[in-house]
N, C-alpha and C. Protein backbone atom coordinates (compact mmCIF):
# COMPACT_ATOMS: atom_id res chain seq x y z
N UNK A 1 93.35 52.39 48.50
CA UNK A 1 92.05 52.01 49.04
C UNK A 1 91.99 51.02 50.17
N UNK A 2 92.74 49.92 50.01
CA UNK A 2 92.73 48.90 50.94
C UNK A 2 93.42 49.29 52.29
N UNK A 3 94.13 50.30 52.24
CA UNK A 3 94.78 50.81 53.58
C UNK A 3 93.79 51.70 54.31
N UNK A 4 92.98 52.31 53.54
CA UNK A 4 91.93 53.06 54.30
C UNK A 4 90.94 52.22 54.87
N UNK A 5 90.53 51.08 54.17
CA UNK A 5 89.66 50.11 54.90
C UNK A 5 90.28 49.49 55.95
N UNK A 6 91.49 49.15 55.92
CA UNK A 6 92.21 48.58 57.09
C UNK A 6 92.31 49.52 58.24
N UNK A 7 92.53 50.77 58.11
CA UNK A 7 92.59 51.69 59.26
C UNK A 7 91.19 51.86 59.74
N UNK A 8 90.24 51.98 58.82
CA UNK A 8 88.70 52.09 59.27
C UNK A 8 88.34 50.80 60.22
N UNK A 9 88.78 49.59 59.71
CA UNK A 9 88.39 48.48 60.43
C UNK A 9 89.04 48.59 61.90
N UNK A 10 90.48 48.92 61.95
CA UNK A 10 91.09 48.89 63.14
C UNK A 10 90.33 50.01 64.22
N UNK A 11 90.04 51.05 63.53
CA UNK A 11 89.41 52.12 64.28
C UNK A 11 88.04 51.76 64.92
N UNK A 12 87.32 50.92 64.21
CA UNK A 12 85.90 50.52 64.63
C UNK A 12 86.17 49.42 65.61
N UNK A 13 87.31 48.63 65.49
CA UNK A 13 87.50 47.49 66.42
C UNK A 13 87.99 48.31 67.78
N UNK A 14 88.70 49.20 67.80
CA UNK A 14 89.24 49.86 68.95
C UNK A 14 87.95 50.59 69.67
N UNK A 15 87.09 51.05 69.01
CA UNK A 15 85.91 51.84 69.62
C UNK A 15 85.06 50.63 70.25
N UNK A 16 85.01 49.42 69.70
CA UNK A 16 84.11 48.54 70.28
C UNK A 16 84.69 47.81 71.49
N UNK A 17 86.02 47.88 71.77
CA UNK A 17 86.70 47.24 72.81
C UNK A 17 86.04 47.65 74.15
N UNK A 18 85.81 46.89 75.13
CA UNK A 18 85.33 47.34 76.35
C UNK A 18 86.50 48.06 77.01
N UNK A 19 86.07 49.10 77.74
CA UNK A 19 87.18 49.81 78.49
C UNK A 19 87.04 49.75 79.97
N UNK A 20 87.87 49.11 80.79
CA UNK A 20 87.84 48.98 82.16
C UNK A 20 88.33 50.08 82.95
N UNK A 21 87.32 50.73 83.71
CA UNK A 21 87.76 51.82 84.52
C UNK A 21 87.97 51.23 85.92
N UNK A 22 89.35 50.88 86.10
CA UNK A 22 89.61 50.18 87.31
C UNK A 22 89.44 51.07 88.62
N UNK A 23 89.82 52.50 88.32
CA UNK A 23 89.59 53.41 89.51
C UNK A 23 88.23 53.34 90.25
N UNK A 24 87.14 53.03 89.40
CA UNK A 24 85.90 53.13 89.98
C UNK A 24 85.52 51.65 90.32
N UNK A 25 85.89 50.61 89.68
CA UNK A 25 85.55 49.32 89.76
C UNK A 25 85.98 48.67 91.11
N UNK A 26 87.10 48.98 91.58
CA UNK A 26 87.75 48.54 92.67
C UNK A 26 87.30 49.21 94.05
N UNK A 27 86.41 50.28 93.90
CA UNK A 27 86.04 50.99 95.17
C UNK A 27 85.12 50.19 96.07
N UNK A 28 85.25 50.36 97.39
CA UNK A 28 84.36 49.67 98.19
C UNK A 28 85.18 48.76 99.13
N UNK A 29 84.25 47.97 100.11
CA UNK A 29 84.88 47.13 101.19
C UNK A 29 84.72 45.62 100.50
N UNK A 30 85.89 44.95 100.48
CA UNK A 30 86.02 43.45 99.93
C UNK A 30 86.52 42.66 101.01
N UNK A 31 85.80 41.54 101.15
CA UNK A 31 86.06 40.46 102.16
C UNK A 31 86.93 39.44 101.65
N UNK A 32 87.96 39.03 102.21
CA UNK A 32 88.85 38.12 101.73
C UNK A 32 88.20 36.63 101.76
N UNK A 33 88.37 36.13 100.28
CA UNK A 33 87.68 34.85 100.07
C UNK A 33 88.70 33.64 99.97
N UNK A 34 89.92 33.98 99.86
CA UNK A 34 91.10 33.02 99.69
C UNK A 34 92.18 33.50 98.64
N UNK A 35 92.94 32.56 98.40
CA UNK A 35 94.13 32.87 97.49
C UNK A 35 94.42 31.59 96.72
N UNK A 36 95.16 31.84 95.60
CA UNK A 36 95.69 30.72 94.72
C UNK A 36 97.09 30.96 94.41
N UNK A 37 97.84 29.81 94.55
CA UNK A 37 99.19 29.58 94.27
C UNK A 37 99.57 28.38 93.62
N UNK A 38 100.31 28.55 92.57
CA UNK A 38 100.60 27.16 91.95
C UNK A 38 99.31 26.38 91.39
N UNK A 39 98.29 27.17 91.30
CA UNK A 39 96.86 26.38 91.00
C UNK A 39 96.27 25.76 92.07
N UNK A 40 96.83 26.00 93.36
CA UNK A 40 96.18 25.49 94.41
C UNK A 40 95.42 26.50 95.25
N UNK A 41 94.06 26.42 95.39
CA UNK A 41 93.20 27.43 96.11
C UNK A 41 93.17 27.09 97.43
N UNK A 42 93.43 28.22 98.32
CA UNK A 42 93.37 28.09 99.77
C UNK A 42 92.36 28.99 100.22
N UNK A 43 91.34 28.36 100.88
CA UNK A 43 90.19 29.08 101.50
C UNK A 43 90.58 29.90 102.76
N UNK A 44 89.89 30.71 103.19
CA UNK A 44 90.16 31.41 104.60
C UNK A 44 90.05 30.40 105.70
N UNK A 45 90.87 30.70 106.63
CA UNK A 45 90.80 29.66 107.69
C UNK A 45 90.43 30.66 109.03
N UNK A 46 90.40 30.04 110.31
CA UNK A 46 90.09 31.10 111.43
C UNK A 46 90.95 32.18 111.72
N UNK A 47 92.21 32.02 111.15
CA UNK A 47 93.17 33.16 111.36
C UNK A 47 92.75 34.49 110.38
N UNK A 48 92.36 33.96 109.17
CA UNK A 48 92.27 35.10 108.10
C UNK A 48 90.91 35.23 107.65
N UNK A 49 90.00 34.61 108.40
CA UNK A 49 88.52 34.71 108.03
C UNK A 49 87.98 36.09 108.07
N UNK A 50 88.43 37.09 108.82
CA UNK A 50 87.87 38.46 108.84
C UNK A 50 88.81 39.31 108.00
N UNK A 51 89.70 38.92 107.16
CA UNK A 51 90.43 39.87 106.47
C UNK A 51 89.54 40.51 105.56
N UNK A 52 90.16 41.87 105.32
CA UNK A 52 89.40 42.67 104.14
C UNK A 52 90.14 43.75 103.61
N UNK A 53 89.66 44.28 102.58
CA UNK A 53 90.39 45.25 102.04
C UNK A 53 89.40 46.49 101.56
N UNK A 54 89.66 47.69 102.18
CA UNK A 54 88.69 48.71 101.59
C UNK A 54 89.42 49.83 100.80
N UNK A 55 88.77 50.10 99.71
CA UNK A 55 89.56 51.10 98.76
C UNK A 55 88.53 52.31 98.73
N UNK A 56 88.98 53.48 99.09
CA UNK A 56 88.04 54.67 98.96
C UNK A 56 88.35 55.60 97.76
N UNK A 57 87.50 56.28 97.31
CA UNK A 57 87.43 57.27 96.15
C UNK A 57 88.62 58.31 96.41
N UNK A 58 89.00 58.55 97.71
CA UNK A 58 90.10 59.61 97.87
C UNK A 58 91.57 59.02 97.90
N UNK A 59 91.50 57.70 97.32
CA UNK A 59 92.87 56.99 96.94
C UNK A 59 93.43 56.50 98.33
N UNK A 60 92.78 56.14 99.34
CA UNK A 60 93.15 55.67 100.60
C UNK A 60 92.62 54.28 100.78
N UNK A 61 93.54 53.45 101.51
CA UNK A 61 93.02 52.07 101.67
C UNK A 61 93.16 51.76 103.16
N UNK A 62 92.49 50.76 103.52
CA UNK A 62 92.69 49.95 104.93
C UNK A 62 92.62 48.44 104.51
N UNK A 63 93.61 47.86 104.92
CA UNK A 63 93.81 46.44 104.71
C UNK A 63 93.88 45.68 105.99
N UNK A 64 93.19 44.52 106.48
CA UNK A 64 93.13 43.76 107.38
C UNK A 64 93.54 42.39 107.21
N UNK A 65 94.76 41.99 107.76
CA UNK A 65 95.39 40.91 107.49
C UNK A 65 95.59 40.21 108.90
N UNK A 66 94.68 39.30 109.13
CA UNK A 66 94.65 38.67 110.43
C UNK A 66 94.58 39.74 111.64
N UNK A 67 95.58 39.94 112.38
CA UNK A 67 95.27 41.05 113.56
C UNK A 67 96.00 42.29 113.04
N UNK A 68 96.67 42.30 111.93
CA UNK A 68 97.43 43.36 111.33
C UNK A 68 96.42 44.29 110.63
N UNK A 69 96.43 45.53 110.90
CA UNK A 69 95.64 46.66 110.08
C UNK A 69 96.61 47.54 109.41
N UNK A 70 96.63 47.62 108.13
CA UNK A 70 97.51 48.66 107.40
C UNK A 70 96.77 49.73 106.71
N UNK A 71 97.11 50.84 106.69
CA UNK A 71 96.46 51.97 106.01
C UNK A 71 97.43 52.69 105.14
N UNK A 72 96.98 53.41 104.31
CA UNK A 72 97.76 54.19 103.36
C UNK A 72 97.14 54.83 102.18
N UNK A 73 97.97 54.90 101.11
CA UNK A 73 97.32 55.42 99.69
C UNK A 73 97.55 54.44 98.81
N UNK A 74 96.87 54.39 97.77
CA UNK A 74 97.06 53.51 96.48
C UNK A 74 97.02 54.38 95.19
N UNK A 75 97.62 53.79 94.14
CA UNK A 75 97.57 54.38 92.85
C UNK A 75 97.35 53.23 91.94
N UNK A 76 96.43 53.60 90.96
CA UNK A 76 96.07 52.52 89.84
C UNK A 76 96.69 52.92 88.59
N UNK A 77 97.16 52.06 87.90
CA UNK A 77 97.73 52.37 86.43
C UNK A 77 96.77 51.53 85.58
N UNK A 78 95.96 52.45 84.94
CA UNK A 78 95.04 51.69 84.15
C UNK A 78 95.62 51.09 82.88
N UNK A 79 96.63 51.64 82.34
CA UNK A 79 97.46 51.02 81.21
C UNK A 79 98.16 49.72 81.69
N UNK A 80 98.84 49.71 82.80
CA UNK A 80 99.44 48.59 83.41
C UNK A 80 98.61 47.60 83.94
N UNK A 81 97.30 47.98 84.34
CA UNK A 81 96.41 47.09 85.15
C UNK A 81 97.07 46.77 86.42
N UNK A 82 97.61 47.78 87.09
CA UNK A 82 98.17 47.44 88.49
C UNK A 82 97.64 48.47 89.48
N UNK A 83 97.76 47.91 90.79
CA UNK A 83 97.51 48.73 91.87
C UNK A 83 98.57 48.60 92.88
N UNK A 84 98.96 49.88 93.37
CA UNK A 84 100.11 49.97 94.22
C UNK A 84 99.66 50.60 95.50
N UNK A 85 100.02 49.75 96.64
CA UNK A 85 99.65 50.32 97.88
C UNK A 85 100.85 50.90 98.58
N UNK A 86 100.63 51.98 99.16
CA UNK A 86 101.75 52.47 100.07
C UNK A 86 101.31 52.69 101.52
N UNK A 87 101.98 51.77 102.36
CA UNK A 87 101.61 51.74 103.71
C UNK A 87 102.17 53.04 104.41
N UNK A 88 101.18 53.81 105.16
CA UNK A 88 101.39 55.12 105.69
C UNK A 88 102.51 54.87 106.88
N UNK A 89 102.59 53.84 107.59
CA UNK A 89 103.43 53.66 108.71
C UNK A 89 104.89 53.24 108.37
N UNK A 90 105.05 52.39 107.46
CA UNK A 90 106.32 51.95 107.03
C UNK A 90 106.84 52.77 105.72
N UNK A 91 105.94 53.34 104.89
CA UNK A 91 106.42 54.13 103.72
C UNK A 91 106.85 53.01 102.60
N UNK A 92 106.43 51.75 102.73
CA UNK A 92 106.92 50.78 101.83
C UNK A 92 105.55 50.66 100.92
N UNK A 93 106.05 50.42 99.49
CA UNK A 93 105.01 50.15 98.64
C UNK A 93 105.03 48.73 97.99
N UNK A 94 103.67 48.20 97.71
CA UNK A 94 103.67 46.83 97.11
C UNK A 94 102.76 46.87 95.84
N UNK A 95 103.13 46.34 94.80
CA UNK A 95 102.21 46.42 93.72
C UNK A 95 101.77 45.12 93.36
N UNK A 96 100.32 45.15 92.97
CA UNK A 96 99.59 44.13 92.65
C UNK A 96 99.08 44.17 91.10
N UNK A 97 98.87 43.16 90.35
CA UNK A 97 98.19 43.19 89.17
C UNK A 97 96.75 42.99 89.34
N UNK A 98 96.01 44.05 88.54
CA UNK A 98 94.55 43.82 88.67
C UNK A 98 94.13 42.68 87.53
N UNK A 99 93.53 41.56 88.07
CA UNK A 99 93.05 40.57 87.37
C UNK A 99 91.54 40.44 86.99
N UNK A 100 90.72 40.80 87.92
CA UNK A 100 89.34 40.95 87.63
C UNK A 100 88.70 41.72 88.73
N UNK A 101 87.61 42.47 88.36
CA UNK A 101 86.82 43.24 89.15
C UNK A 101 85.55 43.33 88.56
N UNK A 102 84.61 42.99 89.19
CA UNK A 102 83.14 43.16 88.86
C UNK A 102 82.47 43.43 90.14
N UNK A 103 81.06 43.63 90.18
CA UNK A 103 80.45 44.09 91.30
C UNK A 103 80.60 42.86 92.41
N UNK A 104 80.87 41.72 91.93
CA UNK A 104 80.84 40.71 93.18
C UNK A 104 82.35 40.36 93.60
N UNK A 105 83.31 40.50 92.62
CA UNK A 105 84.59 39.92 92.88
C UNK A 105 85.84 40.88 92.60
N UNK A 106 86.89 40.83 93.35
CA UNK A 106 88.07 41.47 92.90
C UNK A 106 89.25 40.50 93.33
N UNK A 107 89.91 40.24 92.19
CA UNK A 107 91.13 39.53 92.13
C UNK A 107 92.39 40.21 91.92
N UNK A 108 93.39 40.29 92.77
CA UNK A 108 94.58 40.96 92.53
C UNK A 108 95.83 39.99 92.78
N UNK A 109 96.87 40.16 92.03
CA UNK A 109 97.84 39.09 91.89
C UNK A 109 99.26 39.85 92.41
N UNK A 110 99.95 39.22 93.25
CA UNK A 110 101.24 39.75 93.53
C UNK A 110 102.40 38.79 93.08
N UNK A 111 103.45 39.31 92.63
CA UNK A 111 104.43 38.42 92.04
C UNK A 111 105.79 38.73 92.65
N UNK A 112 106.30 37.89 93.38
CA UNK A 112 107.73 38.04 94.03
C UNK A 112 108.75 38.13 93.16
N UNK A 113 109.97 38.62 93.56
CA UNK A 113 111.20 38.76 92.66
C UNK A 113 111.61 37.42 91.99
N UNK A 114 111.27 36.51 92.56
CA UNK A 114 111.53 35.04 92.10
C UNK A 114 110.40 34.54 91.21
N UNK A 115 109.55 35.31 90.78
CA UNK A 115 108.50 35.09 89.94
C UNK A 115 107.25 34.13 90.52
N UNK A 116 107.23 34.17 91.73
CA UNK A 116 106.15 33.32 92.35
C UNK A 116 104.90 34.19 92.31
N UNK A 117 103.77 33.84 91.98
CA UNK A 117 102.54 34.40 91.80
C UNK A 117 101.57 33.93 92.71
N UNK A 118 100.90 34.90 93.48
CA UNK A 118 99.72 34.61 94.43
C UNK A 118 98.61 35.59 93.84
N UNK A 119 97.49 34.91 93.74
CA UNK A 119 96.27 35.62 93.45
C UNK A 119 95.43 35.67 94.71
N UNK A 120 94.91 36.81 95.06
CA UNK A 120 94.17 37.04 96.18
C UNK A 120 92.67 37.34 95.75
N UNK A 121 91.69 36.68 96.29
CA UNK A 121 90.36 36.78 95.83
C UNK A 121 89.60 37.50 96.93
N UNK A 122 88.89 38.62 96.50
CA UNK A 122 87.96 39.20 97.43
C UNK A 122 86.65 39.20 97.08
N UNK A 123 85.60 39.16 97.90
CA UNK A 123 84.19 39.28 97.54
C UNK A 123 83.53 40.63 97.97
N UNK A 124 82.71 41.19 97.18
CA UNK A 124 82.02 42.45 97.69
C UNK A 124 81.14 42.27 98.80
N UNK A 125 81.29 43.18 99.84
CA UNK A 125 80.36 43.25 101.10
C UNK A 125 79.18 43.98 100.72
N UNK A 126 78.13 43.63 101.06
CA UNK A 126 76.87 44.34 100.66
C UNK A 126 76.48 45.14 101.95
């Protein structure tokens, strides 16, 4: 009897957990707001003030970093909470962890092979 109660509680708990649908939450054009590394927040300067990231529902992206524009495709892993960008020109892929997304903000985190993490913050464009 106790095991049935425990399984029922687990089932109810799993059903009430919010589900993040990253594939729809990240869509749109996002303006670069800055980055955080080692707890230090760096706001955009004149070089990267116009940086942006556009994610389309056809799984293509456009990323503007200073004067460099990259385009390609992206894949989202809901289970791993990651987004992987593949640049169409170079063929190289880069994976980021999805940290937060709501109607106003998108935060993605890149981790280098030597475990240095950088969080990139974007704000929704209206």
